[in-house]
Every structure is written in C-alpha cells, then in structure tokens.
Amino acid sequence: MRILFATSNPNKVEEASIVLELSGHRVEQLLVEGVPPDFKEPKELGLEAVAGAKIEQALELIHGTEFEGSAIMVEDSGIFLDAFENWPGAASSDVEREIGLEGLLEMLTDNRQRGAEYRAVAIVSDGVVTWSSTGVCRGRISETVRGVQGFGYDPIFIPDEGDGRTFGEWGEGKRSEITHRARAMNRLADLLNSPSR
C-alpha cells in the first residue's frame, strides 16, 4: 500500500519507511502543492486527540485533489516525564523550543525522578477505513546532553532496552525497532496486513 505521511518532519517519514516497508508498504511525505500540511493541534487534550484532529484535517485537505482516496498517515508523539504529571506530552516540541534540552535537564537537577517514556499515536485512513495504533518506549533522562543522532529529546533519552547510551548516541537503524514510533508503526503494519481488513 502507498501511504502518504502528513508531516513536516522528514525524520519521521524516514523512520516510518524503515518499519512499514518491511511489510510491503511504501511511505512518502504528503506534499500539497509542494508544501507539507500545517495542522491545528488541540495539544491540551493529549496525543490521541492531536492525532485524531490531524487525520480529520488531512482528509479534508486532500478532498478534491489528486490524493483523494489515498491512504493518509498522521502521527503524534511526545515524551512524558515521571517527575511531572502528563508533561510535556503533546506539548513536547513546544517545550523543547522554549526551554531546550538543557532547560529541561535543569528542571530535574534537584534529585527528581528521571524515569520517562516516549509515546506515539499513529493513524492511517483512506477516508473510509481508519487504523490506529500506539507505541511506548520506557527509559530515563540522562544528566547531560549526549549524542547528535535522531531529533527532539533523543540526546537526553536513555531507553531501558538499550546499553546505557541515549538515542542521540545510537545509529538510526540500530534503534529503530525499540522506539515508540517504530512500535506504533509495527502495530499499524499488523493491522494493515490483517486478513480481516
């Protein structure tokens, strides 16, 4: 299946491609008139609500275009710190932009718990049928920024299933199967390839 990923983040397209192409799906970035879509996101309502709003807007955006009837994918993800209730969550990119990774590390210096998890919600819809999945990756926040791989909070997130390095210190292929996004995409691939679909 050809899946058009409605995102402005090419890193997400690449990670989704790595996982979904193993199941026979081709992932491409959705560009309308050469531009990725820009969505209104109800971040205060959480990841699921943001992903739901994105798929509705994406389907509306392609209505009447050459893409109508195509399988469209959206995804929303965030990091959740054990030291704070449901934060930063759906506002993760805003928080990173406003205070940076160093600012977040400073918030955890007073012996706060360093446990954290990345969460992702992925949705594919062709306008008739909709498939949805989630993925979680548990870990902890490092004491310093380490590594330049990945994006977002990767340089301060140490996955429990790793070897003590942050995602920022791992190569893309090496970490792809355990990330929150990869887990959501793997579940999505199972749903898309299910005989009952």
C-alpha atoms as a PDB file:
ATOM      1  CA  MET A   1       0.000   0.000   0.000  1.00  0.00           C
ATOM      2  CA  ARG A   2       1.200   3.521  -0.769  1.00  0.00           C
ATOM      3  CA  ILE A   3       0.909   5.601   2.383  1.00  0.00           C
ATOM      4  CA  LEU A   4       1.209   9.386   2.338  1.00  0.00           C
ATOM      5  CA  PHE A   5       2.578  10.613   5.661  1.00  0.00           C
ATOM      6  CA  ALA A   6       1.164  14.041   6.535  1.00  0.00           C
ATOM      7  CA  THR A   7       4.068  15.551   8.438  1.00  0.00           C
ATOM      8  CA  SER A   8       6.613  18.314   8.000  1.00  0.00           C
ATOM      9  CA  ASN A   9       9.288  16.199   9.714  1.00  0.00           C
ATOM     10  CA  PRO A  10      11.378  14.178   7.230  1.00  0.00           C
ATOM     11  CA  ASN A  11      12.942  12.213  10.129  1.00  0.00           C
ATOM     12  CA  LYS A  12       9.512  10.777  10.948  1.00  0.00           C
ATOM     13  CA  VAL A  13       8.975   9.816   7.307  1.00  0.00           C
ATOM     14  CA  GLU A  14      12.309   8.011   7.251  1.00  0.00           C
ATOM     15  CA  GLU A  15      11.622   6.108  10.493  1.00  0.00           C
ATOM     16  CA  ALA A  16       8.131   5.087   9.338  1.00  0.00           C
ATOM     17  CA  SER A  17       9.542   3.965   5.992  1.00  0.00           C
ATOM     18  CA  ILE A  18      12.119   1.711   7.653  1.00  0.00           C
ATOM     19  CA  VAL A  19       9.395  -0.143   9.551  1.00  0.00           C
ATOM     20  CA  LEU A  20       6.462  -0.182   7.131  1.00  0.00           C
ATOM     21  CA  GLU A  21       8.447  -1.045   4.010  1.00  0.00           C
ATOM     22  CA  LEU A  22       9.343  -4.376   5.660  1.00  0.00           C
ATOM     23  CA  SER A  23       5.607  -5.145   5.481  1.00  0.00           C
ATOM     24  CA  GLY A  24       5.320  -4.159   1.830  1.00  0.00           C
ATOM     25  CA  HIS A  25       4.062  -0.597   2.317  1.00  0.00           C
ATOM     26  CA  ARG A  26       5.627   2.437   0.623  1.00  0.00           C
ATOM     27  CA  VAL A  27       5.722   5.598   2.735  1.00  0.00           C
ATOM     28  CA  GLU A  28       6.052   9.034   1.152  1.00  0.00           C
ATOM     29  CA  GLN A  29       5.685  12.506   2.588  1.00  0.00           C
ATOM     30  CA  LEU A  30       2.356  14.159   1.743  1.00  0.00           C
ATOM     31  CA  LEU A  31       3.015  17.431  -0.038  1.00  0.00           C
ATOM     32  CA  VAL A  32       0.119  19.510  -1.330  1.00  0.00           C
ATOM     33  CA  GLU A  33       1.346  21.935  -3.985  1.00  0.00           C
ATOM     34  CA  GLY A  34       4.869  21.132  -2.806  1.00  0.00           C
ATOM     35  CA  VAL A  35       4.191  22.039   0.826  1.00  0.00           C
ATOM     36  CA  PRO A  36       3.700  19.751   3.865  1.00  0.00           C
ATOM     37  CA  PRO A  37       0.402  20.289   5.709  1.00  0.00           C
ATOM     38  CA  ASP A  38       0.200  22.539   8.739  1.00  0.00           C
ATOM     39  CA  PHE A  39      -2.343  21.379  11.307  1.00  0.00           C
ATOM     40  CA  LYS A  40      -4.191  22.964  14.205  1.00  0.00           C
ATOM     41  CA  GLU A  41      -3.382  20.732  17.181  1.00  0.00           C
ATOM     42  CA  PRO A  42      -5.501  20.592  20.371  1.00  0.00           C
ATOM     43  CA  LYS A  43      -2.389  19.810  22.453  1.00  0.00           C
ATOM     44  CA  GLU A  44      -4.167  20.412  25.732  1.00  0.00           C
ATOM     45  CA  LEU A  45      -6.316  17.323  25.002  1.00  0.00           C
ATOM     46  CA  GLY A  46      -3.401  14.883  24.625  1.00  0.00           C
ATOM     47  CA  LEU A  47      -1.701  12.816  21.921  1.00  0.00           C
ATOM     48  CA  GLU A  48      -4.768  10.835  20.835  1.00  0.00           C
ATOM     49  CA  ALA A  49      -6.810  13.994  20.346  1.00  0.00           C
ATOM     50  CA  VAL A  50      -3.995  15.647  18.379  1.00  0.00           C
ATOM     51  CA  ALA A  51      -3.604  12.615  16.093  1.00  0.00           C
ATOM     52  CA  GLY A  52      -7.382  12.461  15.599  1.00  0.00           C
ATOM     53  CA  ALA A  53      -7.520  16.154  14.721  1.00  0.00           C
ATOM     54  CA  LYS A  54      -4.619  15.750  12.289  1.00  0.00           C
ATOM     55  CA  ILE A  55      -6.231  12.865  10.368  1.00  0.00           C
ATOM     56  CA  GLU A  56      -9.511  14.772  10.040  1.00  0.00           C
ATOM     57  CA  GLN A  57      -7.697  17.857   8.749  1.00  0.00           C
ATOM     58  CA  ALA A  58      -5.504  15.796   6.396  1.00  0.00           C
ATOM     59  CA  LEU A  59      -8.502  14.051   4.826  1.00  0.00           C
ATOM     60  CA  GLU A  60     -10.252  17.398   4.426  1.00  0.00           C
ATOM     61  CA  LEU A  61      -7.099  18.888   2.898  1.00  0.00           C
ATOM     62  CA  ILE A  62      -6.868  16.236   0.166  1.00  0.00           C
ATOM     63  CA  HIS A  63     -10.597  16.272  -0.631  1.00  0.00           C
ATOM     64  CA  GLY A  64     -10.999  17.086  -4.311  1.00  0.00           C
ATOM     65  CA  THR A  65      -7.263  16.716  -5.053  1.00  0.00           C
ATOM     66  CA  GLU A  66      -5.303  14.001  -6.841  1.00  0.00           C
ATOM     67  CA  PHE A  67      -4.663  12.459  -3.407  1.00  0.00           C
ATOM     68  CA  GLU A  68      -8.332  11.873  -2.521  1.00  0.00           C
ATOM     69  CA  GLY A  69      -8.854   8.184  -1.720  1.00  0.00           C
ATOM     70  CA  SER A  70      -5.161   7.663  -0.879  1.00  0.00           C
ATOM     71  CA  ALA A  71      -4.077   6.152   2.409  1.00  0.00           C
ATOM     72  CA  ILE A  72      -3.014   9.051   4.625  1.00  0.00           C
ATOM     73  CA  MET A  73      -0.984   8.679   7.796  1.00  0.00           C
ATOM     74  CA  VAL A  74      -0.543  11.029  10.727  1.00  0.00           C
ATOM     75  CA  GLU A  75       1.401  10.576  13.919  1.00  0.00           C
ATOM     76  CA  ASP A  76       1.801  12.463  17.127  1.00  0.00           C
ATOM     77  CA  SER A  77       4.301  11.725  19.817  1.00  0.00           C
ATOM     78  CA  GLY A  78       5.773  13.162  22.942  1.00  0.00           C
ATOM     79  CA  ILE A  79       7.907  12.472  25.950  1.00  0.00           C
ATOM     80  CA  PHE A  80       6.369  12.065  29.383  1.00  0.00           C
ATOM     81  CA  LEU A  81       8.497  12.660  32.478  1.00  0.00           C
ATOM     82  CA  ASP A  82       7.704  10.702  35.657  1.00  0.00           C
ATOM     83  CA  ALA A  83       8.604  13.780  37.721  1.00  0.00           C
ATOM     84  CA  PHE A  84       5.643  15.702  36.268  1.00  0.00           C
ATOM     85  CA  GLU A  85       2.096  14.564  35.604  1.00  0.00           C
ATOM     86  CA  ASN A  86       1.439  14.107  31.859  1.00  0.00           C
ATOM     87  CA  TRP A  87       4.162  16.607  30.930  1.00  0.00           C
ATOM     88  CA  PRO A  88       5.393  17.711  28.464  1.00  0.00           C
ATOM     89  CA  GLY A  89       3.354  15.155  26.464  1.00  0.00           C
ATOM     90  CA  ALA A  90       1.642  16.607  23.409  1.00  0.00           C
ATOM     91  CA  ALA A  91       3.457  19.901  24.059  1.00  0.00           C
ATOM     92  CA  SER A  92       6.911  18.271  23.825  1.00  0.00           C
ATOM     93  CA  SER A  93       8.042  20.145  20.704  1.00  0.00           C
ATOM     94  CA  ASP A  94       6.885  23.474  22.180  1.00  0.00           C
ATOM     95  CA  VAL A  95       8.706  22.809  25.455  1.00  0.00           C
ATOM     96  CA  GLU A  96      11.893  21.830  23.619  1.00  0.00           C
ATOM     97  CA  ARG A  97      11.717  25.008  21.536  1.00  0.00           C
ATOM     98  CA  GLU A  98      11.017  27.217  24.579  1.00  0.00           C
ATOM     99  CA  ILE A  99      13.469  25.884  27.188  1.00  0.00           C
ATOM    100  CA  GLY A 100      15.686  23.490  25.232  1.00  0.00           C
ATOM    101  CA  LEU A 101      17.157  20.222  26.397  1.00  0.00           C
ATOM    102  CA  GLU A 102      19.469  21.978  28.859  1.00  0.00           C
ATOM    103  CA  GLY A 103      16.494  23.779  30.390  1.00  0.00           C
ATOM    104  CA  LEU A 104      14.659  20.507  30.884  1.00  0.00           C
ATOM    105  CA  LEU A 105      17.737  18.919  32.469  1.00  0.00           C
ATOM    106  CA  GLU A 106      17.940  21.844  34.888  1.00  0.00           C
ATOM    107  CA  MET A 107      14.366  21.112  35.994  1.00  0.00           C
ATOM    108  CA  LEU A 108      15.484  17.616  37.034  1.00  0.00           C
ATOM    109  CA  THR A 109      18.637  18.577  38.992  1.00  0.00           C
ATOM    110  CA  ASP A 110      17.014  18.606  42.432  1.00  0.00           C
ATOM    111  CA  ASN A 111      17.004  14.798  42.686  1.00  0.00           C
ATOM    112  CA  ARG A 112      13.686  14.439  40.900  1.00  0.00           C
ATOM    113  CA  GLN A 113      12.950  11.043  39.424  1.00  0.00           C
ATOM    114  CA  ARG A 114      14.478  10.662  35.986  1.00  0.00           C
ATOM    115  CA  GLY A 115      12.125   7.987  34.614  1.00  0.00           C
ATOM    116  CA  ALA A 116      10.435   8.868  31.333  1.00  0.00           C
ATOM    117  CA  GLU A 117       8.699   7.385  28.343  1.00  0.00           C
ATOM    118  CA  TYR A 118       8.230   8.299  24.752  1.00  0.00           C
ATOM    119  CA  ARG A 119       4.687   7.675  23.450  1.00  0.00           C
ATOM    120  CA  ALA A 120       3.382   7.721  19.886  1.00  0.00           C
ATOM    121  CA  VAL A 121      -0.064   7.503  18.302  1.00  0.00           C
ATOM    122  CA  ALA A 122      -0.233   6.667  14.580  1.00  0.00           C
ATOM    123  CA  ILE A 123      -3.344   6.680  12.387  1.00  0.00           C
ATOM    124  CA  VAL A 124      -3.847   5.642   8.763  1.00  0.00           C
ATOM    125  CA  SER A 125      -7.093   6.358   6.913  1.00  0.00           C
ATOM    126  CA  ASP A 126      -8.241   6.122   3.312  1.00  0.00           C
ATOM    127  CA  GLY A 127     -11.347   8.156   4.107  1.00  0.00           C
ATOM    128  CA  VAL A 128     -13.450   5.024   4.549  1.00  0.00           C
ATOM    129  CA  VAL A 129     -11.476   2.768   6.889  1.00  0.00           C
ATOM    130  CA  THR A 130      -9.246   4.006   9.705  1.00  0.00           C
ATOM    131  CA  TRP A 131      -6.493   2.091  11.506  1.00  0.00           C
ATOM    132  CA  SER A 132      -4.936   3.375  14.742  1.00  0.00           C
ATOM    133  CA  SER A 133      -2.071   2.175  16.926  1.00  0.00           C
ATOM    134  CA  THR A 134       0.121   3.299  19.802  1.00  0.00           C
ATOM    135  CA  GLY A 135       3.693   2.661  20.875  1.00  0.00           C
ATOM    136  CA  VAL A 136       5.654   3.258  24.091  1.00  0.00           C
ATOM    137  CA  CYS A 137       9.370   3.217  24.857  1.00  0.00           C
ATOM    138  CA  ARG A 138      10.375   3.390  28.545  1.00  0.00           C
ATOM    139  CA  GLY A 139      13.634   4.873  29.683  1.00  0.00           C
ATOM    140  CA  ARG A 140      15.209   7.602  31.739  1.00  0.00           C
ATOM    141  CA  ILE A 141      16.581  11.083  31.248  1.00  0.00           C
ATOM    142  CA  SER A 142      20.376  11.441  31.163  1.00  0.00           C
ATOM    143  CA  GLU A 143      22.217  14.013  33.255  1.00  0.00           C
ATOM    144  CA  THR A 144      23.799  15.665  30.213  1.00  0.00           C
ATOM    145  CA  VAL A 145      23.059  16.072  26.501  1.00  0.00           C
ATOM    146  CA  ARG A 146      24.806  13.181  24.723  1.00  0.00           C
ATOM    147  CA  GLY A 147      24.939  12.483  21.000  1.00  0.00           C
ATOM    148  CA  VAL A 148      23.724  14.134  17.808  1.00  0.00           C
ATOM    149  CA  GLN A 149      21.681  11.351  16.180  1.00  0.00           C
ATOM    150  CA  GLY A 150      17.891  11.465  15.918  1.00  0.00           C
ATOM    151  CA  PHE A 151      15.907  14.550  16.864  1.00  0.00           C
ATOM    152  CA  GLY A 152      13.840  16.046  19.674  1.00  0.00           C
ATOM    153  CA  TYR A 153      14.686  14.608  23.080  1.00  0.00           C
ATOM    154  CA  ASP A 154      16.827  11.761  21.673  1.00  0.00           C
ATOM    155  CA  PRO A 155      20.118  13.208  23.051  1.00  0.00           C
ATOM    156  CA  ILE A 156      18.811  13.005  26.648  1.00  0.00           C
ATOM    157  CA  PHE A 157      16.666   9.835  26.478  1.00  0.00           C
ATOM    158  CA  ILE A 158      18.269   6.539  27.556  1.00  0.00           C
ATOM    159  CA  PRO A 159      15.995   3.598  26.614  1.00  0.00           C
ATOM    160  CA  ASP A 160      15.607   0.798  29.172  1.00  0.00           C
ATOM    161  CA  GLU A 161      16.211  -1.759  26.435  1.00  0.00           C
ATOM    162  CA  GLY A 162      19.489  -0.175  25.391  1.00  0.00           C
ATOM    163  CA  ASP A 163      23.074  -0.311  26.556  1.00  0.00           C
ATOM    164  CA  GLY A 164      23.196   2.947  28.524  1.00  0.00           C
ATOM    165  CA  ARG A 165      23.552   5.275  25.556  1.00  0.00           C
ATOM    166  CA  THR A 166      20.992   7.933  24.680  1.00  0.00           C
ATOM    167  CA  PHE A 167      19.074   7.616  21.413  1.00  0.00           C
ATOM    168  CA  GLY A 168      21.213  10.554  20.326  1.00  0.00           C
ATOM    169  CA  GLU A 169      24.273   8.307  20.545  1.00  0.00           C
ATOM    170  CA  TRP A 170      22.727   5.426  18.574  1.00  0.00           C
ATOM    171  CA  GLY A 171      22.677   4.987  14.823  1.00  0.00           C
ATOM    172  CA  GLU A 172      19.196   5.213  13.272  1.00  0.00           C
ATOM    173  CA  GLY A 173      18.938   1.585  12.130  1.00  0.00           C
ATOM    174  CA  LYS A 174      20.206   0.221  15.418  1.00  0.00           C
ATOM    175  CA  ARG A 175      17.457   1.791  17.485  1.00  0.00           C
ATOM    176  CA  SER A 176      14.547   1.705  15.069  1.00  0.00           C
ATOM    177  CA  GLU A 177      12.859  -1.429  16.406  1.00  0.00           C
ATOM    178  CA  ILE A 178      12.527  -0.224  20.006  1.00  0.00           C
ATOM    179  CA  THR A 179      11.413   3.367  19.546  1.00  0.00           C
ATOM    180  CA  HIS A 180       7.893   4.446  20.412  1.00  0.00           C
ATOM    181  CA  ARG A 181       7.293   5.361  16.774  1.00  0.00           C
ATOM    182  CA  ALA A 182       8.622   2.029  15.470  1.00  0.00           C
ATOM    183  CA  ARG A 183       6.370   0.155  17.891  1.00  0.00           C
ATOM    184  CA  ALA A 184       3.344   2.161  16.779  1.00  0.00           C
ATOM    185  CA  MET A 185       4.277   1.562  13.122  1.00  0.00           C
ATOM    186  CA  ASN A 186       4.790  -2.177  13.674  1.00  0.00           C
ATOM    187  CA  ARG A 187       1.333  -2.452  15.235  1.00  0.00           C
ATOM    188  CA  LEU A 188      -0.048  -0.413  12.351  1.00  0.00           C
ATOM    189  CA  ALA A 189       1.611  -2.770   9.848  1.00  0.00           C
ATOM    190  CA  ASP A 190      -0.037  -5.732  11.593  1.00  0.00           C
ATOM    191  CA  LEU A 191      -3.425  -4.016  11.345  1.00  0.00           C
ATOM    192  CA  LEU A 192      -2.941  -3.055   7.696  1.00  0.00           C
ATOM    193  CA  ASN A 193      -1.853  -6.577   6.779  1.00  0.00           C
ATOM    194  CA  SER A 194      -4.610  -8.293   8.763  1.00  0.00           C
ATOM    195  CA  PRO A 195      -6.761 -10.625   6.637  1.00  0.00           C
ATOM    196  CA  SER A 196      -9.905  -9.029   8.097  1.00  0.00           C
ATOM    197  CA  ARG A 197      -9.155  -5.591   6.638  1.00  0.00           C
END
